[in-house]
C-alpha atoms as a PDB file:
ATOM      1  CA  MET A   1      17.805 -12.225   0.820  1.00  0.00           C
ATOM      2  CA  ALA A   2      20.570 -14.512  -0.366  1.00  0.00           C
ATOM      3  CA  LEU A   3      22.044 -13.321  -3.840  1.00  0.00           C
ATOM      4  CA  GLN A   4      24.628 -15.219  -5.592  1.00  0.00           C
ATOM      5  CA  THR A   5      27.432 -13.424  -7.282  1.00  0.00           C
ATOM      6  CA  ASN A   6      26.465 -14.679 -10.828  1.00  0.00           C
ATOM      7  CA  THR A   7      26.602 -13.502 -14.371  1.00  0.00           C
ATOM      8  CA  GLY A   8      23.969 -15.541 -15.525  1.00  0.00           C
ATOM      9  CA  SER A   9      20.399 -15.148 -16.198  1.00  0.00           C
ATOM     10  CA  ALA A  10      18.043 -13.877 -13.091  1.00  0.00           C
ATOM     11  CA  ASP A  11      16.770 -17.598 -12.430  1.00  0.00           C
ATOM     12  CA  CYS A  12      20.514 -18.365 -11.357  1.00  0.00           C
ATOM     13  CA  TYR A  13      20.284 -16.433  -8.333  1.00  0.00           C
ATOM     14  CA  SER A  14      18.850 -17.497  -5.160  1.00  0.00           C
ATOM     15  CA  PHE A  15      15.937 -16.045  -4.188  1.00  0.00           C
ATOM     16  CA  PRO A  16      12.964 -15.753  -1.945  1.00  0.00           C
ATOM     17  CA  PRO A  17       9.828 -18.260  -3.548  1.00  0.00           C
ATOM     18  CA  GLU A  18       7.483 -15.068  -3.651  1.00  0.00           C
ATOM     19  CA  ASP A  19      10.375 -13.086  -5.571  1.00  0.00           C
ATOM     20  CA  LYS A  20      11.894 -16.081  -8.470  1.00  0.00           C
ATOM     21  CA  LEU A  21       9.235 -15.562 -10.905  1.00  0.00           C
ATOM     22  CA  LYS A  22       9.301 -11.700 -10.464  1.00  0.00           C
ATOM     23  CA  ALA A  23      13.133 -11.843 -10.699  1.00  0.00           C
ATOM     24  CA  HIS A  24      12.528 -13.948 -14.417  1.00  0.00           C
ATOM     25  CA  PHE A  25      10.494 -10.963 -15.955  1.00  0.00           C
ATOM     26  CA  PHE A  26      12.424  -8.106 -14.108  1.00  0.00           C
ATOM     27  CA  PRO A  27      16.206  -8.989 -14.019  1.00  0.00           C
ATOM     28  CA  GLU A  28      17.212  -6.513 -11.555  1.00  0.00           C
ATOM     29  CA  VAL A  29      15.346  -7.782  -8.657  1.00  0.00           C
ATOM     30  CA  GLY A  30      18.442 -10.112  -8.258  1.00  0.00           C
ATOM     31  CA  LEU A  31      20.270  -6.656  -8.013  1.00  0.00           C
ATOM     32  CA  SER A  32      17.474  -5.028  -5.288  1.00  0.00           C
ATOM     33  CA  GLY A  33      15.297  -6.977  -4.150  1.00  0.00           C
ATOM     34  CA  PHE A  34      12.720  -5.097  -6.781  1.00  0.00           C
ATOM     35  CA  SER A  35      11.684  -4.252  -9.934  1.00  0.00           C
ATOM     36  CA  HIS A  36      12.081  -0.807 -11.494  1.00  0.00           C
ATOM     37  CA  LEU A  37       8.051  -0.713 -11.495  1.00  0.00           C
ATOM     38  CA  ASP A  38       7.367  -1.863  -7.770  1.00  0.00           C
ATOM     39  CA  GLY A  39       4.600  -0.195  -6.262  1.00  0.00           C
ATOM     40  CA  THR A  40       5.958   0.334  -2.814  1.00  0.00           C
ATOM     41  CA  ILE A  41       8.785   2.302  -3.521  1.00  0.00           C
ATOM     42  CA  ALA A  42       6.618   4.269  -5.605  1.00  0.00           C
ATOM     43  CA  MET A  43       4.734   5.292  -2.519  1.00  0.00           C
ATOM     44  CA  TYR A  44       7.015   5.344  -0.285  1.00  0.00           C
ATOM     45  CA  SER A  45       9.849   7.621  -1.702  1.00  0.00           C
ATOM     46  CA  GLN A  46       7.149  10.195  -1.974  1.00  0.00           C
ATOM     47  CA  VAL A  47       7.414   9.856   1.894  1.00  0.00           C
ATOM     48  CA  ALA A  48      10.937   9.489   1.949  1.00  0.00           C
ATOM     49  CA  ALA A  49      10.752  13.342   0.413  1.00  0.00           C
ATOM     50  CA  LEU A  50       8.060  14.423   2.815  1.00  0.00           C
ATOM     51  CA  ILE A  51       9.327  13.143   6.444  1.00  0.00           C
ATOM     52  CA  ARG A  52      10.925  15.485   8.709  1.00  0.00           C
ATOM     53  CA  PRO A  53      12.912  14.556  11.988  1.00  0.00           C
ATOM     54  CA  THR A  54      10.725  17.024  13.567  1.00  0.00           C
ATOM     55  CA  ASP A  55       7.255  14.870  12.127  1.00  0.00           C
ATOM     56  CA  VAL A  56       4.546  13.282  14.336  1.00  0.00           C
ATOM     57  CA  VAL A  57       3.560  10.851  11.571  1.00  0.00           C
ATOM     58  CA  LEU A  58      -0.042   8.541  11.722  1.00  0.00           C
ATOM     59  CA  GLU A  59       0.227   5.443   9.728  1.00  0.00           C
ATOM     60  CA  PHE A  60      -3.691   4.994   9.234  1.00  0.00           C
ATOM     61  CA  GLY A  61      -4.113   1.573   8.990  1.00  0.00           C
ATOM     62  CA  ALA A  62      -1.207   0.148  10.180  1.00  0.00           C
ATOM     63  CA  GLY A  63      -2.372  -3.128  10.967  1.00  0.00           C
ATOM     64  CA  ARG A  64       0.593  -5.675  12.892  1.00  0.00           C
ATOM     65  CA  GLY A  65       3.380  -4.253  10.515  1.00  0.00           C
ATOM     66  CA  GLY A  66       3.930  -7.769   8.096  1.00  0.00           C
ATOM     67  CA  ASN A  67       3.744  -5.889   4.578  1.00  0.00           C
ATOM     68  CA  ILE A  68       7.562  -5.143   6.287  1.00  0.00           C
ATOM     69  CA  SER A  69       8.362  -7.667   8.679  1.00  0.00           C
ATOM     70  CA  THR A  70       7.867 -10.405   5.588  1.00  0.00           C
ATOM     71  CA  ASP A  71       9.183  -8.051   2.784  1.00  0.00           C
ATOM     72  CA  PRO A  72      11.964  -9.846   1.394  1.00  0.00           C
ATOM     73  CA  SER A  73      13.556  -6.757   0.049  1.00  0.00           C
ATOM     74  CA  PRO A  74      15.967  -4.911   2.623  1.00  0.00           C
ATOM     75  CA  TYR A  75      15.190  -1.873   0.896  1.00  0.00           C
ATOM     76  CA  ARG A  76      11.804  -2.500   0.856  1.00  0.00           C
ATOM     77  CA  ARG A  77      11.627  -2.847   4.556  1.00  0.00           C
ATOM     78  CA  TRP A  78      14.084   0.356   4.808  1.00  0.00           C
ATOM     79  CA  ILE A  79      11.556   2.446   3.256  1.00  0.00           C
ATOM     80  CA  GLN A  80       8.219   1.731   4.504  1.00  0.00           C
ATOM     81  CA  THR A  81      10.062   2.067   8.203  1.00  0.00           C
ATOM     82  CA  LEU A  82       9.176   5.659   9.832  1.00  0.00           C
ATOM     83  CA  HIS A  83       9.939   4.694  12.888  1.00  0.00           C
ATOM     84  CA  GLY A  84      13.694   6.659  13.804  1.00  0.00           C
ATOM     85  CA  ARG A  85      12.978   8.837  10.843  1.00  0.00           C
ATOM     86  CA  CYS A  86      11.038  11.179  12.469  1.00  0.00           C
ATOM     87  CA  ALA A  87       9.653  12.391  16.212  1.00  0.00           C
ATOM     88  CA  LYS A  88       7.111   9.837  16.229  1.00  0.00           C
ATOM     89  CA  VAL A  89       5.151   7.359  14.583  1.00  0.00           C
ATOM     90  CA  ILE A  90       1.508   6.618  15.641  1.00  0.00           C
ATOM     91  CA  GLY A  91      -0.703   3.598  13.903  1.00  0.00           C
ATOM     92  CA  CYS A  92      -4.086   3.398  14.461  1.00  0.00           C
ATOM     93  CA  ASP A  93      -5.880   0.137  13.164  1.00  0.00           C
ATOM     94  CA  ILE A  94      -9.851  -1.833  13.702  1.00  0.00           C
ATOM     95  CA  ASP A  95      -7.835  -5.106  14.890  1.00  0.00           C
ATOM     96  CA  PRO A  96      -6.072  -4.539  18.212  1.00  0.00           C
ATOM     97  CA  VAL A  97      -3.397  -6.178  16.416  1.00  0.00           C
ATOM     98  CA  VAL A  98      -1.484  -2.993  16.146  1.00  0.00           C
ATOM     99  CA  ARG A  99      -0.801  -3.004  19.542  1.00  0.00           C
ATOM    100  CA  ASP A 100       1.836  -5.160  18.913  1.00  0.00           C
ATOM    101  CA  ASN A 101       2.986  -3.841  15.766  1.00  0.00           C
ATOM    102  CA  PRO A 102       6.952  -3.487  16.137  1.00  0.00           C
ATOM    103  CA  PHE A 103       7.125  -0.243  13.673  1.00  0.00           C
ATOM    104  CA  LEU A 104       5.420   1.906  16.098  1.00  0.00           C
ATOM    105  CA  ASP A 105       6.243   4.175  18.836  1.00  0.00           C
ATOM    106  CA  GLU A 106       2.349   3.588  19.826  1.00  0.00           C
ATOM    107  CA  GLY A 107      -0.364   1.693  18.175  1.00  0.00           C
ATOM    108  CA  ILE A 108      -4.340   2.578  18.859  1.00  0.00           C
ATOM    109  CA  VAL A 109      -7.160   0.730  18.080  1.00  0.00           C
ATOM    110  CA  ILE A 110      -9.993   2.628  16.445  1.00  0.00           C
ATOM    111  CA  TYR A 111     -14.387   1.411  15.565  1.00  0.00           C
ATOM    112  CA  PRO A 112     -15.255   1.620  12.196  1.00  0.00           C
ATOM    113  CA  GLY A 113     -18.335   4.652  12.449  1.00  0.00           C
ATOM    114  CA  GLN A 114     -16.862   6.691  15.180  1.00  0.00           C
ATOM    115  CA  PRO A 115     -13.960   9.525  15.233  1.00  0.00           C
ATOM    116  CA  LEU A 116     -10.235   8.897  15.176  1.00  0.00           C
ATOM    117  CA  PRO A 117      -9.100   9.584  19.036  1.00  0.00           C
ATOM    118  CA  PHE A 118      -6.686  12.092  18.314  1.00  0.00           C
ATOM    119  CA  PRO A 119      -7.610  16.325  18.473  1.00  0.00           C
ATOM    120  CA  ASP A 120      -7.522  18.344  16.241  1.00  0.00           C
ATOM    121  CA  SER A 121      -3.819  19.076  13.866  1.00  0.00           C
ATOM    122  CA  SER A 122      -2.032  16.254  15.050  1.00  0.00           C
ATOM    123  CA  PHE A 123       0.193  15.092  12.710  1.00  0.00           C
ATOM    124  CA  ASP A 124       2.132  16.228  10.474  1.00  0.00           C
ATOM    125  CA  LEU A 125       1.727  13.088   8.326  1.00  0.00           C
ATOM    126  CA  ILE A 126      -0.629  10.457   7.326  1.00  0.00           C
ATOM    127  CA  VAL A 127       0.700   7.367   5.727  1.00  0.00           C
ATOM    128  CA  SER A 128      -2.420   4.693   4.506  1.00  0.00           C
ATOM    129  CA  ASN A 129      -1.196   1.784   2.203  1.00  0.00           C
ATOM    130  CA  ASN A 130      -3.782  -0.247   1.285  1.00  0.00           C
ATOM    131  CA  VAL A 131      -6.486   0.869   3.748  1.00  0.00           C
ATOM    132  CA  PHE A 132      -8.680   3.243   1.747  1.00  0.00           C
ATOM    133  CA  GLU A 133     -10.475   0.183  -0.037  1.00  0.00           C
ATOM    134  CA  HIS A 134     -11.694  -1.186   3.101  1.00  0.00           C
ATOM    135  CA  VAL A 135     -13.538   1.793   4.750  1.00  0.00           C
ATOM    136  CA  ALA A 136     -17.134   1.382   4.782  1.00  0.00           C
ATOM    137  CA  ASP A 137     -17.890   5.403   5.430  1.00  0.00           C
ATOM    138  CA  ALA A 138     -15.777   7.236   2.937  1.00  0.00           C
ATOM    139  CA  GLN A 139     -16.946  10.748   4.104  1.00  0.00           C
ATOM    140  CA  LEU A 140     -16.224  10.275   7.902  1.00  0.00           C
ATOM    141  CA  VAL A 141     -13.074   9.204   7.505  1.00  0.00           C
ATOM    142  CA  ALA A 142     -11.748  12.137   4.843  1.00  0.00           C
ATOM    143  CA  ASN A 143     -13.234  14.620   7.187  1.00  0.00           C
ATOM    144  CA  GLU A 144     -11.334  12.681  10.328  1.00  0.00           C
ATOM    145  CA  LEU A 145      -7.783  12.598   8.414  1.00  0.00           C
ATOM    146  CA  LEU A 146      -8.173  16.310   7.406  1.00  0.00           C
ATOM    147  CA  ARG A 147      -9.192  17.274  10.833  1.00  0.00           C
ATOM    148  CA  ILE A 148      -6.032  15.586  12.766  1.00  0.00           C
ATOM    149  CA  LEU A 149      -3.828  16.463   9.979  1.00  0.00           C
ATOM    150  CA  ARG A 150      -2.234  19.827  10.404  1.00  0.00           C
ATOM    151  CA  PRO A 151      -2.505  22.816   8.399  1.00  0.00           C
ATOM    152  CA  GLY A 152       0.613  22.179   5.348  1.00  0.00           C
ATOM    153  CA  GLY A 153       0.595  18.472   6.397  1.00  0.00           C
ATOM    154  CA  THR A 154       0.267  15.798   4.059  1.00  0.00           C
ATOM    155  CA  ILE A 155      -2.024  12.480   3.194  1.00  0.00           C
ATOM    156  CA  CYS A 156       0.119   9.775   1.308  1.00  0.00           C
ATOM    157  CA  ALA A 157      -1.954   6.689   0.264  1.00  0.00           C
ATOM    158  CA  SER A 158      -1.740   3.839  -1.634  1.00  0.00           C
ATOM    159  CA  THR A 159      -4.931   1.895  -3.050  1.00  0.00           C
ATOM    160  CA  PRO A 160      -6.642   0.161  -5.640  1.00  0.00           C
ATOM    161  CA  ASN A 161      -7.763   2.172  -8.600  1.00  0.00           C
ATOM    162  CA  LYS A 162     -11.869   0.779  -8.723  1.00  0.00           C
ATOM    163  CA  PHE A 163     -11.659   0.564 -12.582  1.00  0.00           C
ATOM    164  CA  GLY A 164      -8.479  -1.512 -12.443  1.00  0.00           C
ATOM    165  CA  TYR A 165      -8.855  -4.881 -13.266  1.00  0.00           C
ATOM    166  CA  VAL A 166      -7.367  -6.083  -9.678  1.00  0.00           C
ATOM    167  CA  ALA A 167     -10.818  -4.358  -8.298  1.00  0.00           C
ATOM    168  CA  LEU A 168     -12.876  -5.258 -10.867  1.00  0.00           C
ATOM    169  CA  SER A 169     -12.099  -8.627  -9.934  1.00  0.00           C
ATOM    170  CA  ALA A 170     -12.775  -8.403  -6.554  1.00  0.00           C
ATOM    171  CA  MET A 171     -15.599  -6.748  -6.563  1.00  0.00           C
ATOM    172  CA  LEU A 172     -17.095  -9.877  -8.882  1.00  0.00           C
ATOM    173  CA  ILE A 173     -16.117 -12.311  -6.115  1.00  0.00           C
ATOM    174  CA  ARG A 174     -18.002 -12.150  -2.540  1.00  0.00           C
ATOM    175  CA  ASN A 175     -15.595 -11.038   0.287  1.00  0.00           C
ATOM    176  CA  THR A 176     -16.326 -14.546   1.802  1.00  0.00           C
ATOM    177  CA  ARG A 177     -14.649 -16.179  -1.167  1.00  0.00           C
ATOM    178  CA  HIS A 178     -11.733 -13.921  -0.874  1.00  0.00           C
ATOM    179  CA  VAL A 179      -9.241 -15.720   1.253  1.00  0.00           C
ATOM    180  CA  SER A 180      -9.614 -19.137  -0.714  1.00  0.00           C
ATOM    181  CA  VAL A 181      -9.478 -17.253  -3.810  1.00  0.00           C
ATOM    182  CA  LEU A 182      -6.079 -15.794  -3.499  1.00  0.00           C
ATOM    183  CA  LYS A 183      -4.648 -19.248  -1.939  1.00  0.00           C
ATOM    184  CA  ARG A 184      -4.592 -19.816  -5.867  1.00  0.00           C
ATOM    185  CA  VAL A 185      -4.454 -16.307  -7.198  1.00  0.00           C
ATOM    186  CA  GLN A 186      -1.484 -14.703  -4.983  1.00  0.00           C
ATOM    187  CA  PRO A 187      -0.347 -17.791  -3.687  1.00  0.00           C
ATOM    188  CA  TYR A 188       2.064 -16.305  -0.713  1.00  0.00           C
ATOM    189  CA  ARG A 189      -0.412 -14.157   0.310  1.00  0.00           C
ATOM    190  CA  LEU A 190      -1.206 -14.905   4.364  1.00  0.00           C
ATOM    191  CA  ALA A 191      -4.938 -14.972   5.007  1.00  0.00           C
ATOM    192  CA  MET A 192      -4.709 -13.075   8.616  1.00  0.00           C
ATOM    193  CA  ASP A 193      -3.736 -10.042   6.007  1.00  0.00           C
ATOM    194  CA  VAL A 194      -7.219 -10.114   3.771  1.00  0.00           C
ATOM    195  CA  PHE A 195      -9.793  -7.954   4.573  1.00  0.00           C
ATOM    196  CA  PRO A 196     -13.400  -7.314   2.558  1.00  0.00           C
ATOM    197  CA  THR A 197     -13.065  -4.433   0.257  1.00  0.00           C
ATOM    198  CA  LEU A 198     -15.818  -1.633  -0.224  1.00  0.00           C
ATOM    199  CA  TYR A 199     -13.633   0.487  -3.079  1.00  0.00           C
ATOM    200  CA  LYS A 200     -16.231   3.969  -1.666  1.00  0.00           C
ATOM    201  CA  MET A 201     -12.937   6.036  -1.738  1.00  0.00           C
ATOM    202  CA  ASN A 202     -11.202   4.099  -5.153  1.00  0.00           C
ATOM    203  CA  THR A 203     -11.991   6.917  -8.034  1.00  0.00           C
ATOM    204  CA  PHE A 204     -10.404  10.288  -8.628  1.00  0.00           C
ATOM    205  CA  LYS A 205     -13.780  11.805  -9.021  1.00  0.00           C
ATOM    206  CA  THR A 206     -14.672  10.307  -5.679  1.00  0.00           C
ATOM    207  CA  LEU A 207     -11.410  11.239  -3.825  1.00  0.00           C
ATOM    208  CA  ASN A 208     -10.880  14.788  -5.022  1.00  0.00           C
ATOM    209  CA  ARG A 209     -15.023  15.265  -3.894  1.00  0.00           C
ATOM    210  CA  LEU A 210     -13.515  14.218  -0.132  1.00  0.00           C
ATOM    211  CA  PHE A 211     -10.453  16.392   0.018  1.00  0.00           C
ATOM    212  CA  SER A 212     -10.665  18.956  -2.344  1.00  0.00           C
ATOM    213  CA  GLU A 213     -12.658  21.483  -1.150  1.00  0.00           C
ATOM    214  CA  SER A 214     -10.000  22.358   1.610  1.00  0.00           C
ATOM    215  CA  SER A 215      -6.452  20.749   0.584  1.00  0.00           C
ATOM    216  CA  GLN A 216      -4.560  20.129  -2.894  1.00  0.00           C
ATOM    217  CA  VAL A 217      -5.336  16.742  -4.019  1.00  0.00           C
ATOM    218  CA  VAL A 218      -2.357  15.123  -6.237  1.00  0.00           C
ATOM    219  CA  ILE A 219      -3.163  11.782  -7.679  1.00  0.00           C
ATOM    220  CA  TYR A 220      -1.642   9.503 -10.052  1.00  0.00           C
ATOM    221  CA  ALA A 221      -2.810   6.157 -11.213  1.00  0.00           C
ATOM    222  CA  HIS A 222       0.283   3.634 -12.255  1.00  0.00           C
ATOM    223  CA  SER A 223       0.561  -0.484 -12.789  1.00  0.00           C
ATOM    224  CA  ALA A 224       3.372  -2.248 -10.787  1.00  0.00           C
ATOM    225  CA  GLU A 225       4.371  -5.739 -11.874  1.00  0.00           C
ATOM    226  CA  PRO A 226       2.094  -8.386 -11.585  1.00  0.00           C
ATOM    227  CA  SER A 227       0.652  -9.539  -8.112  1.00  0.00           C
ATOM    228  CA  TYR A 228      -1.834 -11.741  -9.322  1.00  0.00           C
ATOM    229  CA  HIS A 229      -0.597 -14.589 -11.126  1.00  0.00           C
ATOM    230  CA  PHE A 230      -1.011 -18.351  -9.583  1.00  0.00           C
ATOM    231  CA  ASP A 231       2.931 -18.001  -9.984  1.00  0.00           C
ATOM    232  CA  ASN A 232       2.559 -18.972 -12.832  1.00  0.00           C
ATOM    233  CA  LYS A 233       5.313 -17.225 -16.122  1.00  0.00           C
ATOM    234  CA  LEU A 234       2.626 -17.254 -18.570  1.00  0.00           C
ATOM    235  CA  VAL A 235      -0.145 -15.750 -16.396  1.00  0.00           C
ATOM    236  CA  PHE A 236       2.431 -13.161 -15.388  1.00  0.00           C
ATOM    237  CA  ALA A 237       3.872 -12.310 -19.000  1.00  0.00           C
ATOM    238  CA  LEU A 238       0.628 -12.004 -19.853  1.00  0.00           C
ATOM    239  CA  PHE A 239      -0.654  -9.079 -17.280  1.00  0.00           C
ATOM    240  CA  LYS A 240       3.008  -7.499 -17.786  1.00  0.00           C
ATOM    241  CA  PHE A 241       2.048  -6.897 -21.305  1.00  0.00           C
ATOM    242  CA  ILE A 242      -1.627  -5.897 -20.566  1.00  0.00           C
ATOM    243  CA  HIS A 243       0.146  -3.245 -17.885  1.00  0.00           C
ATOM    244  CA  ARG A 244       1.848  -1.736 -20.651  1.00  0.00           C
ATOM    245  CA  LEU A 245      -1.615  -1.256 -22.552  1.00  0.00           C
ATOM    246  CA  LEU A 246      -3.033   0.108 -19.457  1.00  0.00           C
ATOM    247  CA  PRO A 247      -4.332   4.087 -19.801  1.00  0.00           C
ATOM    248  CA  GLU A 248      -4.142   5.352 -16.771  1.00  0.00           C
ATOM    249  CA  MET A 249      -7.788   5.487 -15.332  1.00  0.00           C
ATOM    250  CA  PHE A 250      -7.471   1.599 -15.610  1.00  0.00           C
ATOM    251  CA  ALA A 251      -4.156   1.296 -14.157  1.00  0.00           C
ATOM    252  CA  SER A 252      -4.217  -1.103 -10.999  1.00  0.00           C
ATOM    253  CA  THR A 253      -2.895   1.309  -8.140  1.00  0.00           C
ATOM    254  CA  MET A 254      -3.967   5.106  -7.181  1.00  0.00           C
ATOM    255  CA  TYR A 255      -1.242   6.881  -5.457  1.00  0.00           C
ATOM    256  CA  VAL A 256      -2.986  10.179  -3.462  1.00  0.00           C
ATOM    257  CA  PHE A 257      -1.251  12.378  -2.069  1.00  0.00           C
ATOM    258  CA  ILE A 258      -3.452  15.542  -0.237  1.00  0.00           C
ATOM    259  CA  ARG A 259      -1.688  18.812   1.365  1.00  0.00           C
ATOM    260  CA  LYS A 260      -4.149  20.469   3.587  1.00  0.00           C
END
């Protein structure tokens, strides 16, 4: 990301197009490439505190790695890249593109409704970024993640809060229309990164029911800077204000940490 040494307003900096609006409201973006409310940093800072050089890590729903390769912030790219910071990173996804993910040691295709193709207690750490909202069989997935996690290991996940306005809005729109709607609401989102949403693992109550019987569950919710704003300053400012007023139970994103 190019950054001019200029003491003027944030608009004087040279930003990637998707960051110009964010930098108008969060000038620190011009210094680091991310705001102090950044949800990716919130999630992966916890992961960074947990990961060890000897760990075997699973990225559940790793996809093509587009969240890393297209991120304009060098620091966000680094903190999301687990390869090289542990013994091995394996990724799994229902999309065969996971085999070409450059941020993994190995990419494995999985199939909905079937057990995960890993032995019991295979992983020290499981990371899942914006995947739980796409899961159809929540109980099966929860059971499988716990099965393949070693005792003392941790599942780290971020996912939309079902009672947040983003998820509530998505549920009002048919999945077949998500791509066309997002072209207007989130102009820089690639169509290949839009998937059907089901929200079966997206409330405090549900996640505790799925995981707490055999594990310690820590969940908190947070609203990062607005992501759905039509690339419009007025809309961005409105949602920024709304985020400040929202109680935690209606915050847009949930951060879930499950210690087996």
